[in-house]
Amino acid sequence: MTKKPRIVIIGAGMAGLTAANKLYTHSNDTFDLSVVEGGSRVGGRINTSEFSSERIEMGATWIHGIGGSPVYRIAEETGSLVSDEPWECMDPTVDKARTFAEGGFEVDPSIVEPISGLFNALMELAQGKEEKETSQNDSVFGSGGIYENATSVGSFLKSGFDAHRSNGGEGYYGTWSRRSLEEAVFAMFSNTQRTYTSADDLTTLDYAAESEYQMFPGEETTIAKGYVSVIHHLASVLPRGVIQLNRKVTKIEWESCEEEGPVKVHFSDGSVVSADHVVVTVSLGVLKAGIESDDGLFSPPLPEFKSDAIKRLGYGVVNKLFVEVSERNFPSLQLVFEPEDSEFRFVRIPWWMRRTATIAPIHSNSKVLLSWFAGKEALELERLTDEEIIDGVLTTISCLTGKEVRKDTDAKPLVNGHVNGNDEEVLRITKVLKSEWGGDPLFRGSYSYVAVGSSGDDLDAMAEPLPRVNKKGGQVKCHDQAEVHELQVLFAGEATHRTHYSTTHGAYYSGLREANRLLKHYKI
């Protein structure tokens, strides 16, 4: 009996399980297939959980556009888009956000909305959704200059804002001038964009690559039965034993000419598994750590073209903070902070709250509020105690809405009267839950971005299988001239997709790509 080719997939997230699903369902039992997962659950950066009796997402949250999305298709086909129980962001547009500025006053929509429109128009231009040279754009941003010499999305946005001329006149709003207030509102939208990209600072986000990023048309939506329902659907076809949990990989030996399993996968328990092909779906953060460690994840080390791409690409941290409050009907808040050099900054607002753009209920009838953190603030959030978080959030709400907060958390968030409209209500935070993607050694962050100094070519390099082989006269040769095994190490995951990086559907597509590569190799 001919020995089946053994395929080991490292990681039971979206990419790994998509690859396993495709290989198992289309190979006619050709392969000896296994999926090894270092953690105790499937899903990877998808992690549906529960908080205050509500379904929430600790990781991936949104289906980014429903038109053509494979994730949306699976969720729709499996009936996962509807539920009798409430879930996170089930009605994200039901409550229009109210904007509060440091100093204790509510910012009028007549100031916020034009800046929102400006920011969105600039991002659409950066993403290549509109022509950059039109008379209409010139009238909005001023003629010439804002597209020249833009190396980063951050520098482009700054040029666009600087070219913008407010039609609202001057005047002062408390301690704010009209221009300084507009600039702070613009910074608020920039902070939201940081959570979309995972970049700590938008000046590290490459401008040229931004237009390559593709989005699906249609609305963005969350999954009623949880994102993990898509994961469970992909895994459901696999026989028992294919997915192996708590199997942490410590080293991958490759570039072998051995007939029996040219790749050897070493595990933390000392065991070793030989394979014909290994599909690596770990995060870019794990790969960065793997090539920087003394003993290295790969033996021999990855070739320069691959390791350089890993080093150049950006990979950031985004964390979510959920807090349970004592009352329902809390409004959606947008938060505007004084700049770093302002003498009017409230010193009691902790630094890790100052680039948080929003605090909002997860749906209209929920007692759970959600805030997003990116970069240094996200990492700091992981280190804080629940008490420090409660104090920081309540202090921030109080300082922006104009009332003091007491250490016993009896804070009344007010602006022109009680936010909730009830003089007797006292806001208390009763429970806290936060994600901790940065400190988790299985992920070391959240998702990738194209950093200044890298490009889409690096994403393509990430996807290229190893070894790179030289074909002379139709025969593939090893170092000792013996025949080499092709496709020893393949790579999948969101950081390997040139146009859909940072997304679950990008991870899905990458898993399909590598499965199809193997099926084609075996002429299946």
Protein backbone atom coordinates (compact mmCIF):
# COMPACT_ATOMS: atom_id res chain seq x y z
CA MET A 1 0.00 0.00 0.00
CA THR A 2 1.35 3.40 -0.96
CA LYS A 3 2.05 5.62 2.02
CA LYS A 4 -0.21 8.65 2.20
CA PRO A 5 1.52 12.05 2.08
CA ARG A 6 1.42 13.52 5.57
CA ILE A 7 0.30 17.15 5.90
CA VAL A 8 0.58 18.97 9.22
CA ILE A 9 -1.24 22.28 9.56
CA ILE A 10 0.03 24.46 12.39
CA GLY A 11 -2.78 26.55 13.89
CA ALA A 12 -6.52 25.92 14.18
CA GLY A 13 -7.65 29.42 13.29
CA MET A 14 -9.50 30.57 10.19
CA ALA A 15 -6.62 29.90 7.77
CA GLY A 16 -5.66 26.53 9.20
CA LEU A 17 -9.19 25.14 9.42
CA THR A 18 -10.10 26.44 5.96
CA ALA A 19 -7.07 24.65 4.52
CA ALA A 20 -7.91 21.46 6.44
CA ASN A 21 -11.56 21.61 5.37
CA LYS A 22 -10.60 21.98 1.70
CA LEU A 23 -7.93 19.26 1.78
CA TYR A 24 -10.16 16.76 3.56
CA THR A 25 -13.28 17.32 1.45
CA HIS A 26 -11.50 17.36 -1.94
CA SER A 27 -8.68 14.82 -1.62
CA ASN A 28 -10.57 11.51 -1.65
CA ASP A 29 -8.68 10.40 1.46
CA THR A 30 -5.35 10.97 -0.25
CA PHE A 31 -3.64 12.61 2.74
CA ASP A 32 -2.70 11.81 6.30
CA LEU A 33 -3.93 15.13 7.67
CA SER A 34 -3.56 16.72 11.09
CA VAL A 35 -4.10 20.19 12.55
CA VAL A 36 -1.96 21.00 15.59
CA GLU A 37 -3.01 23.88 17.81
CA GLY A 38 -0.87 25.29 20.62
CA GLY A 39 -3.86 26.52 22.62
CA SER A 40 -6.79 24.84 24.31
CA ARG A 41 -9.43 25.96 21.79
CA VAL A 42 -10.00 26.36 18.06
CA GLY A 43 -10.49 29.73 16.41
CA GLY A 44 -7.18 31.53 16.85
CA ARG A 45 -7.86 35.28 16.83
CA ILE A 46 -11.57 34.46 16.65
CA ASN A 47 -12.82 34.00 20.20
CA THR A 48 -16.54 34.33 20.91
CA SER A 49 -17.27 34.69 24.62
CA GLU A 50 -19.95 35.86 27.05
CA PHE A 51 -20.04 38.82 29.41
CA SER A 52 -22.91 40.01 31.57
CA SER A 53 -25.16 37.41 29.88
CA GLU A 54 -24.38 38.91 26.45
CA ARG A 55 -22.62 37.31 23.51
CA ILE A 56 -19.42 39.21 22.70
CA GLU A 57 -16.30 38.85 20.58
CA MET A 58 -12.90 39.03 22.25
CA GLY A 59 -11.20 39.02 18.86
CA ALA A 60 -12.49 39.31 15.30
CA THR A 61 -15.82 41.14 15.41
CA TRP A 62 -17.00 42.33 12.01
CA ILE A 63 -17.76 40.87 8.62
CA HIS A 64 -16.26 43.68 6.57
CA GLY A 65 -18.79 44.01 3.74
CA ILE A 66 -21.35 41.35 2.92
CA GLY A 67 -21.08 41.49 -0.88
CA GLY A 68 -18.95 38.53 -1.90
CA SER A 69 -17.54 37.76 1.53
CA PRO A 70 -16.97 34.02 2.07
CA VAL A 71 -17.40 34.54 5.81
CA TYR A 72 -20.81 36.12 5.29
CA ARG A 73 -21.79 33.28 2.95
CA ILE A 74 -20.92 30.64 5.54
CA ALA A 75 -22.66 32.54 8.34
CA GLU A 76 -25.77 32.94 6.20
CA GLU A 77 -25.84 29.30 5.07
CA THR A 78 -25.45 28.02 8.63
CA GLY A 79 -28.14 30.30 10.06
CA SER A 80 -25.61 32.08 12.25
CA LEU A 81 -26.76 35.61 11.40
CA VAL A 82 -29.92 35.45 13.53
CA SER A 83 -30.43 34.72 17.20
CA ASP A 84 -33.09 34.99 19.89
CA GLU A 85 -30.41 36.26 22.28
CA PRO A 86 -28.84 39.75 22.04
CA TRP A 87 -25.31 40.03 20.72
CA GLU A 88 -22.56 42.57 20.27
CA CYS A 89 -23.26 45.38 17.77
CA MET A 90 -26.55 43.84 16.66
CA ASP A 91 -27.85 47.37 15.98
CA PRO A 92 -24.71 49.51 15.59
CA THR A 93 -26.50 52.54 14.12
CA VAL A 94 -29.44 52.70 16.51
CA ASP A 95 -27.91 55.38 18.77
CA LYS A 96 -26.18 58.29 17.10
CA ALA A 97 -23.01 59.10 19.02
CA ARG A 98 -22.71 62.24 21.10
CA THR A 99 -19.30 63.91 21.19
CA PHE A 100 -17.75 65.25 24.40
CA ALA A 101 -14.61 67.35 24.69
CA GLU A 102 -12.19 67.63 27.55
CA GLY A 103 -13.30 70.61 29.58
CA GLY A 104 -16.80 69.41 30.18
CA PHE A 105 -19.03 70.19 27.22
CA GLU A 106 -20.79 68.49 24.36
CA VAL A 107 -19.49 69.31 20.88
CA ASP A 108 -22.18 70.39 18.46
CA PRO A 109 -22.73 68.15 15.40
CA SER A 110 -22.16 71.24 13.23
CA ILE A 111 -18.49 70.95 14.19
CA VAL A 112 -18.18 67.16 14.29
CA GLU A 113 -19.95 66.23 11.07
CA PRO A 114 -17.86 68.32 8.63
CA ILE A 115 -14.67 66.92 10.17
CA SER A 116 -16.07 63.39 9.95
CA GLY A 117 -16.84 63.99 6.29
CA LEU A 118 -13.37 65.38 5.69
CA PHE A 119 -11.68 62.42 7.38
CA ASN A 120 -13.76 59.87 5.48
CA ALA A 121 -13.12 61.64 2.16
CA LEU A 122 -9.38 61.63 2.81
CA MET A 123 -9.39 57.93 3.69
CA GLU A 124 -11.34 57.14 0.53
CA LEU A 125 -8.75 59.02 -1.48
CA ALA A 126 -5.91 57.20 0.26
CA GLN A 127 -7.63 53.89 -0.46
CA GLY A 128 -8.04 54.80 -4.13
CA LYS A 129 -11.83 54.86 -4.08
CA GLU A 130 -12.02 58.26 -5.79
CA GLU A 131 -9.94 60.13 -8.32
CA LYS A 132 -7.35 62.28 -6.63
CA GLU A 133 -7.35 65.12 -9.14
CA THR A 134 -10.76 66.71 -9.40
CA SER A 135 -11.97 70.26 -9.05
CA GLN A 136 -14.30 69.12 -6.28
CA ASN A 137 -11.42 67.73 -4.24
CA ASP A 138 -9.41 70.87 -4.88
CA SER A 139 -12.26 72.94 -3.50
CA VAL A 140 -12.41 70.81 -0.36
CA PHE A 141 -8.71 70.36 0.32
CA GLY A 142 -7.18 73.31 -1.50
CA SER A 143 -5.43 73.03 -4.82
CA GLY A 144 -2.27 70.95 -5.01
CA GLY A 145 0.14 69.62 -2.46
CA ILE A 146 -1.69 67.12 -0.28
CA TYR A 147 -0.86 64.10 -2.44
CA GLU A 148 2.78 65.02 -3.00
CA ASN A 149 5.48 63.32 -0.96
CA ALA A 150 3.02 61.38 1.19
CA THR A 151 4.91 58.40 2.55
CA SER A 152 2.42 57.42 5.24
CA VAL A 153 -1.31 57.54 5.75
CA GLY A 154 -0.68 59.74 8.78
CA SER A 155 1.28 62.34 6.81
CA PHE A 156 -1.36 62.29 4.08
CA LEU A 157 -4.14 62.88 6.61
CA LYS A 158 -2.22 65.73 8.21
CA SER A 159 -1.71 67.39 4.83
CA GLY A 160 -5.39 66.99 4.05
CA PHE A 161 -6.45 68.51 7.34
CA ASP A 162 -3.98 71.38 7.02
CA ALA A 163 -5.37 72.14 3.54
CA HIS A 164 -8.91 72.16 4.88
CA ARG A 165 -10.37 75.55 5.67
CA SER A 166 -13.26 75.63 8.11
CA ASN A 167 -16.42 77.40 7.00
CA GLY A 168 -17.52 77.80 10.60
CA GLY A 169 -15.49 80.89 11.40
CA GLU A 170 -13.35 81.31 14.49
CA GLY A 171 -14.68 81.75 17.99
CA TYR A 172 -13.97 79.91 21.23
CA TYR A 173 -15.68 76.95 22.93
CA GLY A 174 -14.61 76.97 26.53
CA THR A 175 -10.81 76.75 26.39
CA TRP A 176 -10.88 75.61 22.78
CA SER A 177 -10.46 77.67 19.62
CA ARG A 178 -12.51 76.53 16.64
CA ARG A 179 -9.38 75.29 14.86
CA SER A 180 -7.97 73.44 17.87
CA LEU A 181 -11.33 71.76 18.48
CA GLU A 182 -11.55 70.66 14.85
CA GLU A 183 -8.02 69.31 15.05
CA ALA A 184 -8.87 67.31 18.18
CA VAL A 185 -12.03 65.91 16.56
CA PHE A 186 -9.91 64.92 13.55
CA ALA A 187 -7.46 63.20 15.93
CA MET A 188 -10.39 61.28 17.42
CA PHE A 189 -11.28 59.83 14.02
CA SER A 190 -7.60 59.05 13.45
CA ASN A 191 -7.61 57.05 16.69
CA THR A 192 -10.55 55.02 15.44
CA GLN A 193 -8.57 54.33 12.26
CA ARG A 194 -5.70 53.05 14.40
CA THR A 195 -7.95 50.30 15.73
CA TYR A 196 -8.94 49.38 12.17
CA THR A 197 -5.32 49.00 11.11
CA SER A 198 -3.56 47.97 14.38
CA ALA A 199 -0.88 50.62 13.73
CA ASP A 200 0.17 52.42 16.91
CA ASP A 201 0.62 55.59 14.86
CA LEU A 202 -0.79 56.21 11.37
CA THR A 203 2.56 57.73 10.36
CA THR A 204 3.89 54.15 10.33
CA LEU A 205 1.18 53.01 7.87
CA ASP A 206 2.42 52.98 4.27
CA TYR A 207 0.53 55.36 1.99
CA ALA A 208 1.27 53.66 -1.35
CA ALA A 209 0.04 50.27 -0.14
CA GLU A 210 -3.22 51.65 1.25
CA SER A 211 -4.82 51.75 -2.22
CA GLU A 212 -4.09 48.03 -2.73
CA TYR A 213 -6.22 47.04 0.24
CA GLN A 214 -9.63 45.81 -0.97
CA MET A 215 -12.98 45.83 0.78
CA PHE A 216 -16.23 44.08 -0.02
CA PRO A 217 -19.26 46.19 -0.84
CA GLY A 218 -22.30 46.40 1.39
CA GLU A 219 -22.82 46.82 5.10
CA GLU A 220 -20.56 45.59 7.86
CA THR A 221 -22.20 43.23 10.30
CA THR A 222 -21.54 41.03 13.29
CA ILE A 223 -22.57 37.38 13.62
CA ALA A 224 -25.52 36.73 15.91
CA LYS A 225 -24.45 33.25 16.99
CA GLY A 226 -20.83 34.35 17.30
CA TYR A 227 -17.87 34.38 14.93
CA VAL A 228 -16.84 31.01 16.29
CA SER A 229 -19.89 29.48 14.57
CA VAL A 230 -18.03 29.89 11.25
CA ILE A 231 -14.99 28.16 12.76
CA HIS A 232 -17.12 25.28 14.06
CA HIS A 233 -18.68 24.87 10.62
CA LEU A 234 -15.25 24.55 8.98
CA ALA A 235 -14.07 22.08 11.62
CA SER A 236 -17.25 19.99 11.65
CA VAL A 237 -16.28 17.92 8.58
CA LEU A 238 -12.96 16.79 10.03
CA PRO A 239 -12.82 13.33 11.66
CA ARG A 240 -12.14 13.05 15.35
CA GLY A 241 -8.44 13.26 16.09
CA VAL A 242 -7.47 15.43 13.14
CA ILE A 243 -7.46 18.55 15.33
CA GLN A 244 -5.02 18.21 18.22
CA LEU A 245 -5.19 20.88 20.93
CA ASN A 246 -2.44 21.91 23.36
CA ARG A 247 0.28 20.92 20.87
CA LYS A 248 2.73 23.82 20.98
CA VAL A 249 5.30 23.79 18.19
CA THR A 250 8.85 24.74 19.19
CA LYS A 251 10.80 24.11 15.97
CA ILE A 252 10.26 23.29 12.31
CA GLU A 253 13.12 21.45 10.56
CA TRP A 254 12.92 21.67 6.78
CA GLU A 255 14.96 21.65 3.54
CA SER A 256 15.62 17.97 3.82
CA CYS A 257 16.10 15.46 0.99
CA GLU A 258 14.96 12.54 3.12
CA GLU A 259 12.38 10.31 1.53
CA GLU A 260 10.55 9.72 4.80
CA GLY A 261 9.08 13.02 5.97
CA PRO A 262 11.40 15.81 4.83
CA VAL A 263 9.94 18.19 7.47
CA LYS A 264 10.14 17.52 11.19
CA VAL A 265 7.86 19.35 13.61
CA HIS A 266 9.09 19.50 17.20
CA PHE A 267 6.65 20.04 20.10
CA SER A 268 7.04 21.41 23.61
CA ASP A 269 6.48 17.97 25.13
CA GLY A 270 9.56 16.65 23.30
CA SER A 271 7.68 14.72 20.63
CA VAL A 272 8.55 15.00 16.93
CA VAL A 273 6.30 14.44 13.92
CA SER A 274 7.63 13.93 10.40
CA ALA A 275 5.64 15.35 7.51
CA ASP A 276 5.81 15.77 3.76
CA HIS A 277 4.26 19.22 3.97
CA VAL A 278 3.71 21.69 6.82
CA VAL A 279 1.27 24.58 6.46
CA VAL A 280 2.28 27.36 8.88
CA THR A 281 -0.68 29.59 9.80
CA VAL A 282 0.72 31.25 12.94
CA SER A 283 0.45 35.03 13.27
CA LEU A 284 3.00 37.47 11.91
CA GLY A 285 3.81 38.33 15.52
CA VAL A 286 4.80 34.72 16.23
CA LEU A 287 6.89 34.63 13.05
CA LYS A 288 8.65 37.87 14.07
CA ALA A 289 9.46 36.38 17.47
CA GLY A 290 10.49 33.11 15.82
CA ILE A 291 13.14 34.66 13.61
CA GLU A 292 14.45 36.93 16.39
CA SER A 293 14.91 34.27 19.06
CA ASP A 294 18.34 32.74 19.62
CA ASP A 295 17.43 29.19 18.63
CA GLY A 296 14.81 30.21 16.05
CA LEU A 297 11.53 28.60 15.05
CA PHE A 298 12.91 27.35 11.74
CA SER A 299 15.95 25.17 11.10
CA PRO A 300 17.67 26.09 8.90
CA PRO A 301 16.66 29.76 9.34
CA LEU A 302 14.25 31.17 6.79
CA PRO A 303 15.84 32.53 3.61
CA GLU A 304 16.54 36.24 3.52
CA PHE A 305 13.64 37.15 1.22
CA LYS A 306 11.22 35.62 3.70
CA SER A 307 12.77 36.89 6.93
CA ASP A 308 13.16 40.40 5.52
CA ALA A 309 9.47 40.51 4.62
CA ILE A 310 8.57 39.36 8.14
CA LYS A 311 10.75 42.09 9.65
CA ARG A 312 9.48 44.90 7.41
CA LEU A 313 5.74 44.29 7.66
CA GLY A 314 3.83 45.89 10.51
CA TYR A 315 2.00 43.95 13.18
CA GLY A 316 0.13 45.71 15.96
CA VAL A 317 -2.02 45.19 19.02
CA VAL A 318 -5.71 46.01 19.31
CA ASN A 319 -7.60 45.17 22.48
CA LYS A 320 -11.23 45.50 23.47
CA LEU A 321 -12.46 46.62 26.88
CA PHE A 322 -15.94 45.65 28.05
CA VAL A 323 -17.38 47.18 31.22
CA GLU A 324 -20.71 46.37 32.80
CA VAL A 325 -22.44 49.49 34.16
CA SER A 326 -25.25 49.82 36.65
CA GLU A 327 -27.80 51.40 34.29
CA ARG A 328 -29.09 50.81 30.80
CA ASN A 329 -29.62 53.51 28.16
CA PHE A 330 -26.12 54.89 28.47
CA PRO A 331 -25.38 56.97 25.36
CA SER A 332 -22.73 56.27 22.74
CA LEU A 333 -19.88 58.67 23.48
CA GLN A 334 -17.17 60.01 21.18
CA LEU A 335 -14.23 61.38 23.16
CA VAL A 336 -12.20 64.48 22.25
CA PHE A 337 -9.00 65.16 24.19
CA GLU A 338 -6.68 68.12 24.53
CA PRO A 339 -3.33 67.79 22.68
CA GLU A 340 -0.24 66.69 24.61
CA ASP A 341 1.17 70.19 24.99
CA SER A 342 -2.06 71.78 26.20
CA GLU A 343 -2.10 73.52 29.58
CA PHE A 344 -5.80 72.66 29.90
CA ARG A 345 -5.37 68.89 30.08
CA PHE A 346 -7.04 67.17 33.04
CA VAL A 347 -4.12 65.48 34.78
CA ARG A 348 -6.41 62.90 36.36
CA ILE A 349 -7.30 61.37 32.98
CA PRO A 350 -4.81 58.47 32.58
CA TRP A 351 -2.59 58.54 29.49
CA TRP A 352 -3.87 55.17 28.28
CA MET A 353 -7.39 56.60 27.88
CA ARG A 354 -6.31 59.61 25.83
CA ARG A 355 -6.32 57.93 22.42
CA THR A 356 -9.55 56.05 23.06
CA ALA A 357 -12.12 57.36 20.60
CA THR A 358 -15.39 55.88 21.88
CA ILE A 359 -17.25 54.37 24.80
CA ALA A 360 -20.56 52.91 23.69
CA PRO A 361 -23.14 50.26 24.59
CA ILE A 362 -22.80 47.08 22.52
CA HIS A 363 -26.48 47.43 21.61
CA SER A 364 -29.35 49.74 22.47
CA ASN A 365 -30.64 47.86 25.51
CA SER A 366 -27.32 46.73 26.94
CA LYS A 367 -25.58 47.50 30.22
CA VAL A 368 -22.26 46.55 28.61
CA LEU A 369 -20.06 49.35 27.24
CA LEU A 370 -17.23 48.76 24.79
CA SER A 371 -14.04 50.70 24.08
CA TRP A 372 -11.24 49.87 21.64
CA PHE A 373 -7.53 50.37 22.34
CA ALA A 374 -4.58 50.20 19.94
CA GLY A 375 -0.81 50.26 20.19
CA LYS A 376 0.87 51.28 23.44
CA GLU A 377 -2.47 51.93 25.11
CA ALA A 378 -3.64 48.41 24.24
CA LEU A 379 -0.52 46.91 25.80
CA GLU A 380 -0.93 49.06 28.92
CA LEU A 381 -4.55 47.92 29.25
CA GLU A 382 -3.29 44.34 29.58
CA ARG A 383 -1.14 45.31 32.57
CA LEU A 384 -3.80 47.23 34.48
CA THR A 385 -5.88 45.84 37.33
CA ASP A 386 -9.66 45.94 37.15
CA GLU A 387 -9.66 48.66 39.81
CA GLU A 388 -7.28 50.83 37.78
CA ILE A 389 -9.42 50.37 34.68
CA ILE A 390 -12.64 51.25 36.52
CA ASP A 391 -11.06 54.37 37.99
CA GLY A 392 -9.61 55.45 34.64
CA VAL A 393 -12.80 54.97 32.67
CA LEU A 394 -15.03 56.72 35.22
CA THR A 395 -12.57 59.58 35.64
CA THR A 396 -12.45 60.09 31.87
CA ILE A 397 -16.24 60.07 31.52
CA SER A 398 -16.58 62.46 34.43
CA CYS A 399 -13.90 64.90 33.24
CA LEU A 400 -15.31 65.05 29.72
CA THR A 401 -18.90 65.43 30.81
CA GLY A 402 -18.20 68.02 33.46
CA LYS A 403 -18.57 66.35 36.86
CA GLU A 404 -16.11 65.10 39.44
CA VAL A 405 -15.77 61.39 40.18
CA ARG A 406 -15.28 59.80 43.58
CA LYS A 407 -13.01 56.84 44.26
CA ASP A 408 -16.00 54.80 45.39
CA THR A 409 -17.17 54.96 41.72
CA ASP A 410 -20.30 56.97 42.55
CA ALA A 411 -19.90 59.11 39.46
CA LYS A 412 -22.69 61.03 37.80
CA PRO A 413 -21.81 61.65 34.16
CA LEU A 414 -23.44 64.95 33.31
CA VAL A 415 -23.63 67.29 30.38
CA ASN A 416 -26.30 69.94 30.45
CA GLY A 417 -28.05 67.67 32.92
CA HIS A 418 -27.68 63.95 33.47
CA VAL A 419 -26.60 61.98 30.41
CA ASN A 420 -29.24 59.41 31.23
CA GLY A 421 -31.84 62.08 31.93
CA ASN A 422 -32.46 60.81 35.45
CA ASP A 423 -31.21 62.86 38.40
CA GLU A 424 -31.32 59.85 40.70
CA GLU A 425 -29.11 57.57 38.61
CA VAL A 426 -25.50 57.01 39.65
CA LEU A 427 -23.12 55.39 37.20
CA ARG A 428 -21.17 52.46 38.60
CA ILE A 429 -18.95 49.99 36.77
CA THR A 430 -19.68 46.60 38.24
CA LYS A 431 -17.55 44.27 36.10
CA VAL A 432 -14.64 44.42 33.63
CA LEU A 433 -13.41 42.16 30.82
CA LYS A 434 -10.51 42.87 28.46
CA SER A 435 -8.75 41.05 25.65
CA GLU A 436 -5.01 40.49 25.96
CA TRP A 437 -3.71 39.70 22.47
CA GLY A 438 -0.34 41.38 22.91
CA GLY A 439 0.81 39.30 25.84
CA ASP A 440 -0.48 35.97 24.51
CA PRO A 441 2.57 34.03 23.23
CA LEU A 442 0.38 32.20 20.71
CA PHE A 443 -0.47 35.49 18.93
CA ARG A 444 1.76 38.35 20.19
CA GLY A 445 -0.65 40.90 18.78
CA SER A 446 -3.75 41.27 16.67
CA TYR A 447 -3.23 41.71 12.92
CA SER A 448 -0.84 42.93 10.26
CA TYR A 449 -0.48 46.14 8.30
CA VAL A 450 1.85 47.38 5.56
CA ALA A 451 4.33 49.56 7.41
CA VAL A 452 6.35 52.38 5.90
CA GLY A 453 9.37 50.65 4.35
CA SER A 454 7.41 47.56 3.37
CA SER A 455 5.00 46.97 0.48
CA GLY A 456 2.52 44.55 -0.98
CA ASP A 457 5.49 42.64 -2.36
CA ASP A 458 6.34 41.63 1.18
CA LEU A 459 2.87 40.14 1.61
CA ASP A 460 3.47 38.12 -1.57
CA ALA A 461 6.83 37.01 -0.20
CA MET A 462 5.07 35.86 2.96
CA ALA A 463 2.87 33.59 0.85
CA GLU A 464 5.70 31.95 -1.09
CA PRO A 465 6.32 28.30 -0.15
CA LEU A 466 9.70 26.83 0.75
CA PRO A 467 12.11 25.68 -0.42
CA ARG A 468 12.68 27.87 -3.42
CA VAL A 469 13.95 25.28 -5.88
CA ASN A 470 16.02 25.50 -9.04
CA LYS A 471 14.69 23.52 -11.96
CA LYS A 472 17.26 22.46 -14.55
CA GLY A 473 16.22 20.12 -17.31
CA GLY A 474 12.92 19.57 -15.56
CA GLN A 475 14.48 17.96 -12.48
CA VAL A 476 14.49 19.53 -9.04
CA LYS A 477 17.81 19.23 -7.21
CA CYS A 478 18.85 19.33 -3.56
CA HIS A 479 22.23 20.55 -2.31
CA ASP A 480 23.68 17.06 -2.79
CA GLN A 481 21.94 16.74 -6.17
CA ALA A 482 19.35 14.30 -4.84
CA GLU A 483 15.76 15.08 -5.71
CA VAL A 484 14.24 17.61 -3.31
CA HIS A 485 10.73 17.52 -1.96
CA GLU A 486 8.77 20.54 -3.08
CA LEU A 487 6.31 22.51 -0.91
CA GLN A 488 7.89 21.45 2.37
CA VAL A 489 6.74 24.58 4.22
CA LEU A 490 3.72 26.56 3.09
CA PHE A 491 2.42 29.76 4.68
CA ALA A 492 -1.15 30.94 5.24
CA GLY A 493 -2.87 33.51 7.45
CA GLU A 494 -4.11 37.07 7.07
CA ALA A 495 -0.53 38.43 6.80
CA THR A 496 0.03 36.41 3.61
CA HIS A 497 -2.76 37.99 1.53
CA ARG A 498 -1.81 41.04 -0.50
CA THR A 499 -5.22 42.69 -0.75
CA HIS A 500 -7.19 41.33 2.21
CA TYR A 501 -4.58 41.27 4.98
CA SER A 502 -5.76 41.92 8.56
CA THR A 503 -9.15 40.26 7.95
CA THR A 504 -10.78 36.90 8.63
CA HIS A 505 -11.74 36.58 4.98
CA GLY A 506 -8.10 37.24 4.03
CA ALA A 507 -7.14 34.34 6.31
CA TYR A 508 -9.88 32.23 4.71
CA TYR A 509 -8.63 32.95 1.19
CA SER A 510 -5.05 32.17 2.20
CA GLY A 511 -6.08 28.79 3.60
CA LEU A 512 -7.86 27.96 0.35
CA ARG A 513 -4.81 29.09 -1.64
CA GLU A 514 -2.43 26.72 0.13
CA ALA A 515 -4.88 23.82 0.08
CA ASN A 516 -5.35 24.29 -3.66
CA ARG A 517 -1.58 24.49 -4.10
CA LEU A 518 -1.22 21.05 -2.54
CA LEU A 519 -4.18 19.59 -4.42
CA LYS A 520 -2.66 20.82 -7.68
CA HIS A 521 0.73 19.39 -6.71
CA TYR A 522 -0.85 15.95 -6.33
CA LYS A 523 -3.02 16.49 -9.41
CA ILE A 524 -6.23 16.13 -7.44
